[in-house]
Amino acid sequence: MTSNGDSAPELDAAMNSRKALVDFFSRSLTAFQSSKDAFRVVCTLPPRGTAGEASTTTPAPAPRRPDGNVENTRPAKSLVVLDSSFNPPTLAHLRMAASAVRDLQKGRGKTTTTTTRGDGAGESSSGAAGEPGQGGAVRLLLLLAVNNADKKPKPAAFEVRLGMMYAFAEDLRDEVRKRGGEGAEEEQRRQQQQEDIEVDLGLTTMPYFHDKSQAISDTGFYARGDGGGEPEQVYLAGYDTLIRIFNPKYYNASSSSSSPGGTAAEEAEAPIRRALDPFLGRSRLRITMRTDDEWGGEGEQAAYLKGLRDGGLEDVGGRGTWAERVEMVRGRDEGEEVVSSTKVREAASKRDEEMLGRLASMADSVPSTKIKDVQQVLRDVVNLGEWVCRLSSILIDTVEPESLVSFRRQEAILEHSLSE
């Protein structure tokens, strides 16, 4: 592997801590799988003091509640949830999460603090997102479902994915901090809001969004210590997931959201309402369009959402007001490379360095002197005998030497895992 003197201290520290990190995630996974918990926060990334400050040590991972009673934490007003297999994390994941956090911080849209009524539905009070002085913050949860934990996951074990998620979270936090805005006033506001971004890594056994949301709420992990309710959950998903969420075939009489002691009227209610009423009372959906041959163009996808608002939800037993809890945003720009975990796995299994280079290096913006470094790292990862390659550290800013550091750290994590 190539080395870089500029990043040697951070790289050495990352290498030295890799065994402790892998062991921590392995123990955390075992403890979660042996428990009856439906959701658990494994750890919270430690905050950094100032933008651009590089840490040469890795504090012991631990979960940190955002209740405002712990140093360096604030009550969360919005909880952005990126639920994925992280198999592996890609540029698409990075774009979805970073843009959602930035939009909330800039006050685009509304955030909602949710309390729970006696009937299980949510009561909400809205306010501008991320306004300074509002006593709230945006928090990010990277959520991994391990409901098939009895089967060995392929091609990456869950503890390896947690390692990838940890490195990805560091890069994502840096991405949000770097690109939050320009100008003196915007910069000051961004500094105040983004310095303290907290990123949690969580595990769940629940298969569906509404079950995951309920499990998160039930733990009380994100509840305000002053009794001010819970943050609004904002789920990031693609257009294909939106279609599944509102498909009644996924909801039946045995839905986990039904109440064992429910009244006859409650039992007669459409199963989709029993599942999604509480979910969309505490959560909303931020949907990224998928403009390809399978799902059509932006016009078709926008028309689908309009159809939901115009009676489509009632036709399947739902409520038209649910559509107001859906925000649709553009994904990639015209002509941009389509990025997906599937494409990464396929390219790595074929040892297609050209494709991996395009996904990882944004080739047009990378100097030729850096392309060789990127390709060498990719070769070394593929030569481990695994497809797994953590792309985000290269994707963010390949013109900087430091951009390869967390990629190499992740390679070290994988190498240790394979040698066990």
Protein backbone atom coordinates (compact mmCIF):
# COMPACT_ATOMS: atom_id res chain seq x y z
CA MET A 1 0.00 0.00 0.00
CA THR A 2 1.16 3.52 -0.65
CA SER A 3 1.88 5.74 2.30
CA ASN A 4 1.46 9.43 2.83
CA GLY A 5 3.66 11.34 5.26
CA ASP A 6 1.11 14.10 5.77
CA SER A 7 -1.43 11.69 7.21
CA ALA A 8 0.96 9.32 9.00
CA PRO A 9 0.13 10.31 12.62
CA GLU A 10 -3.61 9.89 12.15
CA LEU A 11 -3.11 6.73 10.13
CA ASP A 12 -0.87 5.17 12.79
CA ALA A 13 -3.38 5.99 15.52
CA ALA A 14 -6.17 4.47 13.46
CA MET A 15 -4.15 1.32 12.83
CA ASN A 16 -3.33 0.96 16.53
CA SER A 17 -6.98 1.26 17.53
CA ARG A 18 -8.44 -1.08 14.90
CA LYS A 19 -8.43 -4.22 17.06
CA ALA A 20 -10.15 -2.45 19.93
CA LEU A 21 -12.78 -1.07 17.56
CA VAL A 22 -13.50 -4.43 15.93
CA ASP A 23 -13.61 -6.17 19.30
CA PHE A 24 -15.98 -3.52 20.66
CA PHE A 25 -18.43 -3.96 17.79
CA SER A 26 -18.22 -7.74 18.02
CA ARG A 27 -19.05 -7.66 21.74
CA SER A 28 -21.79 -5.10 21.22
CA LEU A 29 -23.39 -7.20 18.50
CA THR A 30 -23.30 -10.35 20.63
CA ALA A 31 -24.82 -8.53 23.60
CA PHE A 32 -27.61 -7.10 21.47
CA GLN A 33 -28.44 -10.41 19.80
CA SER A 34 -28.63 -12.16 23.16
CA SER A 35 -30.97 -9.52 24.58
CA LYS A 36 -34.67 -9.02 23.97
CA ASP A 37 -34.16 -5.43 22.87
CA ALA A 38 -35.72 -4.33 19.60
CA PHE A 39 -33.42 -1.31 19.33
CA ARG A 40 -30.18 -0.21 20.92
CA VAL A 41 -27.70 2.60 20.35
CA VAL A 42 -24.28 0.97 20.22
CA CYS A 43 -22.21 4.14 20.32
CA THR A 44 -22.18 7.86 19.60
CA LEU A 45 -19.29 9.37 17.73
CA PRO A 46 -17.31 11.62 20.06
CA PRO A 47 -17.68 15.32 19.24
CA ARG A 48 -14.81 17.30 17.81
CA GLY A 49 -13.84 20.59 19.35
CA THR A 50 -13.46 22.70 16.21
CA ALA A 51 -14.07 22.31 12.51
CA GLY A 52 -11.21 20.66 10.74
CA GLU A 53 -9.55 19.54 13.96
CA ALA A 54 -8.01 16.12 13.45
CA SER A 55 -7.95 13.71 16.33
CA THR A 56 -4.95 11.41 16.71
CA THR A 57 -6.63 9.19 19.29
CA THR A 58 -9.84 7.20 19.27
CA PRO A 59 -11.82 7.48 22.53
CA ALA A 60 -13.59 4.35 23.71
CA PRO A 61 -16.93 4.12 21.86
CA ALA A 62 -20.02 4.59 24.02
CA PRO A 63 -23.63 5.74 23.57
CA ARG A 64 -24.42 9.28 24.65
CA ARG A 65 -27.97 10.47 25.31
CA PRO A 66 -28.91 13.87 23.87
CA ASP A 67 -30.73 15.04 26.99
CA GLY A 68 -28.76 18.23 27.56
CA ASN A 69 -27.61 17.02 30.97
CA VAL A 70 -24.37 15.60 29.64
CA GLU A 71 -21.45 17.75 28.56
CA ASN A 72 -21.32 18.41 24.80
CA THR A 73 -24.89 17.24 24.18
CA ARG A 74 -28.09 19.12 23.38
CA PRO A 75 -31.69 17.95 23.15
CA ALA A 76 -32.39 16.82 19.60
CA LYS A 77 -35.15 18.58 17.70
CA SER A 78 -34.80 16.38 14.60
CA LEU A 79 -33.53 12.80 14.46
CA VAL A 80 -32.46 11.93 10.93
CA VAL A 81 -32.54 8.14 10.47
CA LEU A 82 -30.53 6.49 7.70
CA ASP A 83 -31.67 2.86 7.75
CA SER A 84 -29.59 0.68 5.45
CA SER A 85 -27.66 -2.56 5.14
CA PHE A 86 -24.46 -0.47 4.74
CA ASN A 87 -23.22 -3.23 2.52
CA PRO A 88 -21.14 -1.08 1.92
CA PRO A 89 -21.80 2.63 2.57
CA THR A 90 -21.67 4.57 -0.69
CA LEU A 91 -21.73 8.07 -2.12
CA ALA A 92 -25.52 7.74 -2.40
CA HIS A 93 -25.77 7.27 1.38
CA LEU A 94 -23.48 10.24 1.91
CA ARG A 95 -25.55 12.53 -0.30
CA MET A 96 -28.86 11.54 1.27
CA ALA A 97 -27.73 12.07 4.84
CA ALA A 98 -25.61 15.19 4.35
CA SER A 99 -28.28 17.03 2.36
CA ALA A 100 -30.99 16.17 4.91
CA VAL A 101 -28.91 17.43 7.82
CA ARG A 102 -27.94 20.62 6.00
CA ASP A 103 -31.53 21.38 4.99
CA LEU A 104 -32.76 20.96 8.55
CA GLN A 105 -29.99 23.16 9.89
CA LYS A 106 -30.80 25.88 7.40
CA GLY A 107 -34.45 25.88 8.43
CA ARG A 108 -35.85 24.35 5.25
CA GLY A 109 -39.10 22.69 6.21
CA LYS A 110 -40.36 22.12 9.73
CA THR A 111 -39.30 20.01 12.63
CA THR A 112 -41.75 18.57 15.11
CA THR A 113 -41.44 17.75 18.77
CA THR A 114 -43.69 14.77 19.44
CA THR A 115 -45.55 13.70 22.55
CA THR A 116 -47.70 10.59 22.75
CA ARG A 117 -51.43 10.61 23.41
CA GLY A 118 -53.20 7.89 25.28
CA ASP A 119 -54.38 6.26 22.05
CA GLY A 120 -50.79 5.91 20.84
CA ALA A 121 -51.04 8.61 18.21
CA GLY A 122 -48.67 11.54 18.13
CA GLU A 123 -49.45 15.14 18.96
CA SER A 124 -47.07 17.55 17.30
CA SER A 125 -45.94 21.13 17.64
CA SER A 126 -43.93 22.52 14.74
CA GLY A 127 -41.14 25.05 14.56
CA ALA A 128 -38.45 26.18 12.20
CA ALA A 129 -35.72 23.62 11.85
CA GLY A 130 -32.34 24.33 13.33
CA GLU A 131 -32.92 27.96 14.34
CA PRO A 132 -30.25 29.24 16.73
CA GLY A 133 -31.50 29.74 20.25
CA GLN A 134 -34.34 27.25 19.87
CA GLY A 135 -32.63 24.78 22.21
CA GLY A 136 -32.61 22.00 19.64
CA ALA A 137 -30.21 20.26 17.31
CA VAL A 138 -30.14 17.85 14.41
CA ARG A 139 -28.96 14.38 15.32
CA LEU A 140 -28.20 11.51 12.97
CA LEU A 141 -28.82 7.80 13.51
CA LEU A 142 -27.20 5.21 11.26
CA LEU A 143 -29.42 2.16 11.76
CA LEU A 144 -28.53 -1.44 10.89
CA ALA A 145 -31.19 -4.16 10.99
CA VAL A 146 -29.94 -7.56 12.15
CA ASN A 147 -33.25 -9.41 12.08
CA ASN A 148 -31.59 -12.22 10.10
CA ALA A 149 -28.83 -12.59 12.66
CA ASP A 150 -29.23 -16.39 12.75
CA LYS A 151 -27.92 -16.54 9.17
CA LYS A 152 -24.35 -15.49 8.48
CA PRO A 153 -24.60 -12.26 6.47
CA LYS A 154 -22.89 -12.15 3.10
CA PRO A 155 -20.59 -10.81 2.07
CA ALA A 156 -19.80 -8.67 5.12
CA ALA A 157 -20.42 -9.68 8.74
CA PHE A 158 -22.48 -7.30 10.84
CA GLU A 159 -19.53 -6.30 13.03
CA VAL A 160 -17.58 -5.41 9.89
CA ARG A 161 -20.48 -3.29 8.69
CA LEU A 162 -20.50 -1.50 12.04
CA GLY A 163 -16.84 -0.72 11.48
CA MET A 164 -17.65 0.68 8.06
CA MET A 165 -20.52 2.69 9.53
CA TYR A 166 -18.20 4.19 12.15
CA ALA A 167 -15.68 5.39 9.56
CA PHE A 168 -18.51 6.52 7.28
CA ALA A 169 -20.03 8.54 10.13
CA GLU A 170 -16.76 10.39 10.67
CA ASP A 171 -16.57 11.29 7.00
CA LEU A 172 -20.22 12.28 6.89
CA ARG A 173 -19.80 14.59 9.86
CA ASP A 174 -16.84 16.24 8.15
CA GLU A 175 -18.80 16.57 4.91
CA VAL A 176 -21.64 18.39 6.62
CA ARG A 177 -19.21 20.68 8.41
CA LYS A 178 -17.26 21.53 5.25
CA ARG A 179 -20.14 22.28 2.95
CA GLY A 180 -22.71 23.86 5.20
CA GLY A 181 -22.59 27.31 3.63
CA GLU A 182 -20.51 30.31 2.64
CA GLY A 183 -20.17 33.88 3.84
CA ALA A 184 -19.36 35.31 7.26
CA GLU A 185 -22.89 35.21 8.68
CA GLU A 186 -23.66 31.77 7.31
CA GLU A 187 -20.29 30.52 8.47
CA GLN A 188 -20.89 31.71 12.03
CA ARG A 189 -24.32 30.10 12.09
CA ARG A 190 -22.95 26.89 10.62
CA GLN A 191 -20.14 26.76 13.18
CA GLN A 192 -22.65 27.05 16.03
CA GLN A 193 -24.95 24.37 14.69
CA GLN A 194 -22.59 21.86 13.12
CA GLU A 195 -19.76 21.65 15.61
CA ASP A 196 -21.90 19.52 17.89
CA ILE A 197 -23.52 17.18 15.37
CA GLU A 198 -23.98 13.84 17.07
CA VAL A 199 -23.98 10.63 15.04
CA ASP A 200 -25.29 7.42 16.61
CA LEU A 201 -24.77 3.86 15.43
CA GLY A 202 -27.80 1.72 16.23
CA LEU A 203 -28.98 -1.87 15.88
CA THR A 204 -32.52 -3.14 15.50
CA THR A 205 -34.32 -6.43 14.96
CA MET A 206 -37.37 -4.78 13.42
CA PRO A 207 -37.99 -5.22 9.67
CA TYR A 208 -40.28 -2.27 8.88
CA PHE A 209 -40.02 1.48 9.34
CA HIS A 210 -43.09 1.72 11.56
CA ASP A 211 -41.77 -1.00 13.87
CA LYS A 212 -38.31 0.57 13.99
CA SER A 213 -39.78 3.96 14.80
CA GLN A 214 -41.84 2.50 17.64
CA ALA A 215 -38.82 0.65 19.02
CA ILE A 216 -36.73 3.84 18.98
CA SER A 217 -39.48 5.75 20.76
CA ASP A 218 -40.02 3.01 23.34
CA THR A 219 -36.42 3.18 24.55
CA GLY A 220 -36.76 6.85 25.47
CA PHE A 221 -33.14 7.32 24.41
CA TYR A 222 -33.90 10.54 22.54
CA ALA A 223 -36.52 11.95 24.91
CA ARG A 224 -35.85 15.38 26.38
CA GLY A 225 -34.80 15.29 29.99
CA ASP A 226 -37.17 18.17 30.80
CA GLY A 227 -40.25 16.24 29.67
CA GLY A 228 -40.48 18.22 26.44
CA GLY A 229 -41.21 15.18 24.29
CA GLU A 230 -39.21 13.42 21.60
CA PRO A 231 -37.59 14.72 18.44
CA GLU A 232 -39.31 14.26 15.12
CA GLN A 233 -37.88 11.25 13.31
CA VAL A 234 -36.97 11.90 9.68
CA TYR A 235 -36.49 8.69 7.68
CA LEU A 236 -34.33 8.80 4.56
CA ALA A 237 -35.35 6.44 1.79
CA GLY A 238 -35.48 6.00 -1.95
CA TYR A 239 -38.56 6.18 -4.16
CA ASP A 240 -38.84 2.38 -4.31
CA THR A 241 -39.14 2.26 -0.53
CA LEU A 242 -41.94 4.85 -0.57
CA ILE A 243 -43.99 2.55 -2.80
CA ARG A 244 -43.52 -0.34 -0.37
CA ILE A 245 -44.42 1.76 2.68
CA PHE A 246 -47.86 2.55 1.25
CA ASN A 247 -48.48 -0.94 -0.13
CA PRO A 248 -51.21 -2.58 2.04
CA LYS A 249 -49.84 -6.08 1.45
CA TYR A 250 -47.14 -5.40 4.05
CA TYR A 251 -49.75 -4.83 6.76
CA ASN A 252 -52.08 -7.52 8.04
CA ALA A 253 -54.06 -8.49 11.12
CA SER A 254 -50.93 -9.86 12.80
CA SER A 255 -49.05 -6.59 12.40
CA SER A 256 -46.79 -5.85 15.34
CA SER A 257 -48.54 -2.50 15.68
CA SER A 258 -51.92 -4.02 16.57
CA SER A 259 -52.98 -3.95 20.22
CA PRO A 260 -53.69 -7.35 21.85
CA GLY A 261 -56.37 -5.76 24.03
CA GLY A 262 -57.80 -3.51 21.35
CA THR A 263 -61.51 -2.79 21.03
CA ALA A 264 -63.68 -4.22 18.25
CA ALA A 265 -63.60 -0.86 16.50
CA GLU A 266 -59.81 -0.77 16.65
CA GLU A 267 -59.53 -4.30 15.33
CA ALA A 268 -61.86 -3.43 12.45
CA GLU A 269 -59.64 -0.52 11.45
CA ALA A 270 -57.53 -1.06 8.35
CA PRO A 271 -54.22 -2.71 9.36
CA ILE A 272 -52.30 -0.11 7.38
CA ARG A 273 -53.81 2.61 9.59
CA ARG A 274 -52.92 0.80 12.80
CA ALA A 275 -49.33 0.62 11.61
CA LEU A 276 -48.85 4.01 9.98
CA ASP A 277 -50.98 6.33 12.12
CA PRO A 278 -48.52 6.29 15.04
CA PHE A 279 -45.52 6.11 12.71
CA LEU A 280 -46.46 9.19 10.71
CA GLY A 281 -47.55 10.94 13.88
CA ARG A 282 -43.97 10.94 15.15
CA SER A 283 -42.07 10.68 11.86
CA ARG A 284 -41.89 11.93 8.34
CA LEU A 285 -40.28 10.64 5.18
CA ARG A 286 -37.62 12.32 3.07
CA ILE A 287 -37.67 10.47 -0.24
CA THR A 288 -34.88 10.67 -2.79
CA MET A 289 -36.07 10.24 -6.36
CA ARG A 290 -34.66 7.31 -8.31
CA THR A 291 -34.62 8.41 -11.93
CA ASP A 292 -33.83 5.34 -13.99
CA ASP A 293 -35.53 2.99 -16.41
CA GLU A 294 -37.11 0.89 -13.66
CA TRP A 295 -38.74 3.73 -11.72
CA GLY A 296 -39.27 6.37 -14.39
CA GLY A 297 -38.38 10.05 -14.37
CA GLU A 298 -38.94 12.87 -11.90
CA GLY A 299 -42.31 13.72 -13.43
CA GLU A 300 -43.65 10.21 -12.95
CA GLN A 301 -42.45 10.02 -9.35
CA ALA A 302 -43.85 13.45 -8.48
CA ALA A 303 -47.14 12.36 -10.08
CA TYR A 304 -47.22 9.28 -7.84
CA LEU A 305 -46.96 11.47 -4.74
CA LYS A 306 -49.68 13.78 -6.09
CA GLY A 307 -51.86 10.74 -6.67
CA LEU A 308 -51.45 9.76 -3.02
CA ARG A 309 -52.63 13.22 -2.00
CA ASP A 310 -55.56 13.08 -4.42
CA GLY A 311 -57.17 9.97 -2.97
CA GLY A 312 -54.69 7.20 -3.64
CA LEU A 313 -54.05 6.58 0.03
CA GLU A 314 -57.74 6.33 0.90
CA ASP A 315 -58.11 3.77 -1.89
CA VAL A 316 -55.78 1.39 -0.04
CA GLY A 317 -57.24 2.04 3.43
CA GLY A 318 -54.89 4.86 4.43
CA ARG A 319 -55.31 8.56 5.09
CA GLY A 320 -54.72 11.35 2.60
CA THR A 321 -53.04 13.45 5.29
CA TRP A 322 -50.14 11.00 5.37
CA ALA A 323 -48.91 12.39 2.07
CA GLU A 324 -48.24 15.69 3.82
CA ARG A 325 -45.61 13.86 5.85
CA VAL A 326 -43.65 12.98 2.70
CA GLU A 327 -40.97 15.24 1.25
CA MET A 328 -39.54 14.33 -2.15
CA VAL A 329 -36.08 15.57 -3.16
CA ARG A 330 -33.89 15.14 -6.20
CA GLY A 331 -31.16 12.54 -6.17
CA ARG A 332 -28.26 12.59 -8.58
CA ASP A 333 -27.91 15.30 -11.19
CA GLU A 334 -28.27 14.64 -14.90
CA GLY A 335 -25.34 12.60 -16.18
CA GLU A 336 -23.98 11.70 -12.73
CA GLU A 337 -22.84 8.16 -12.06
CA VAL A 338 -25.51 5.91 -10.54
CA VAL A 339 -24.11 4.72 -7.21
CA SER A 340 -25.44 1.76 -5.26
CA SER A 341 -24.11 -0.88 -2.91
CA THR A 342 -24.97 -3.50 -5.52
CA LYS A 343 -22.81 -1.79 -8.14
CA VAL A 344 -19.93 -1.54 -5.68
CA ARG A 345 -20.13 -5.25 -4.86
CA GLU A 346 -20.32 -6.22 -8.52
CA ALA A 347 -17.38 -4.01 -9.48
CA ALA A 348 -15.22 -5.29 -6.64
CA SER A 349 -16.04 -8.95 -7.29
CA LYS A 350 -15.00 -8.44 -10.92
CA ARG A 351 -11.93 -6.46 -9.84
CA ASP A 352 -13.15 -3.68 -12.08
CA GLU A 353 -10.76 -0.97 -10.90
CA GLU A 354 -11.98 1.48 -13.53
CA MET A 355 -15.54 1.31 -12.21
CA LEU A 356 -14.40 1.45 -8.59
CA GLY A 357 -12.25 4.44 -9.43
CA ARG A 358 -15.24 6.26 -10.90
CA LEU A 359 -17.40 5.50 -7.91
CA ALA A 360 -14.66 6.38 -5.47
CA SER A 361 -12.69 9.20 -6.98
CA MET A 362 -15.00 11.50 -8.92
CA ALA A 363 -12.35 11.22 -11.61
CA ASP A 364 -12.84 14.57 -13.34
CA SER A 365 -11.96 16.48 -10.16
CA VAL A 366 -9.02 14.34 -9.07
CA PRO A 367 -5.47 15.24 -10.13
CA SER A 368 -3.61 12.47 -11.90
CA THR A 369 -1.13 12.36 -9.01
CA LYS A 370 -3.94 11.26 -6.69
CA ILE A 371 -5.60 8.73 -9.00
CA LYS A 372 -2.69 6.33 -8.51
CA ASP A 373 -3.08 6.53 -4.73
CA VAL A 374 -6.80 5.83 -5.01
CA GLN A 375 -6.30 2.90 -7.38
CA GLN A 376 -3.61 1.39 -5.15
CA VAL A 377 -5.89 1.49 -2.13
CA LEU A 378 -8.68 -0.11 -4.14
CA ARG A 379 -6.35 -2.86 -5.36
CA ASP A 380 -5.24 -3.62 -1.83
CA VAL A 381 -8.82 -3.87 -0.60
CA VAL A 382 -9.89 -6.16 -3.43
CA ASN A 383 -6.79 -8.31 -2.90
CA LEU A 384 -7.98 -9.05 0.63
CA GLY A 385 -10.39 -11.49 -1.01
CA GLU A 386 -13.44 -9.44 -0.03
CA TRP A 387 -15.56 -7.06 -2.09
CA VAL A 388 -15.84 -4.70 0.85
CA CYS A 389 -14.47 -1.26 0.13
CA ARG A 390 -15.42 1.81 2.12
CA LEU A 391 -15.75 4.59 -0.40
CA SER A 392 -16.84 7.66 1.47
CA SER A 393 -13.43 8.88 2.64
CA ILE A 394 -12.23 9.11 -0.95
CA LEU A 395 -15.52 10.43 -2.26
CA ILE A 396 -15.55 13.48 -0.03
CA ASP A 397 -12.36 15.22 -1.11
CA THR A 398 -9.78 13.16 -2.94
CA VAL A 399 -7.58 16.15 -3.65
CA GLU A 400 -6.56 16.20 0.02
CA PRO A 401 -4.08 13.58 1.30
CA GLU A 402 -6.13 13.14 4.47
CA SER A 403 -9.02 11.82 2.41
CA LEU A 404 -7.39 8.40 2.20
CA VAL A 405 -6.92 8.04 5.94
CA SER A 406 -10.26 6.62 7.03
CA PHE A 407 -10.34 4.43 3.93
CA ARG A 408 -7.07 2.86 5.05
CA ARG A 409 -8.39 2.65 8.60
CA GLN A 410 -11.38 0.73 7.27
CA GLU A 411 -9.13 -1.56 5.28
CA ALA A 412 -7.26 -2.29 8.50
CA ILE A 413 -10.55 -3.11 10.22
CA LEU A 414 -11.44 -5.53 7.43
CA GLU A 415 -8.00 -7.10 7.37
CA HIS A 416 -8.14 -7.76 11.10
CA SER A 417 -11.62 -9.24 10.74
CA LEU A 418 -10.50 -11.61 7.98
CA SER A 419 -7.51 -12.79 9.99
CA GLU A 420 -9.63 -13.85 12.96
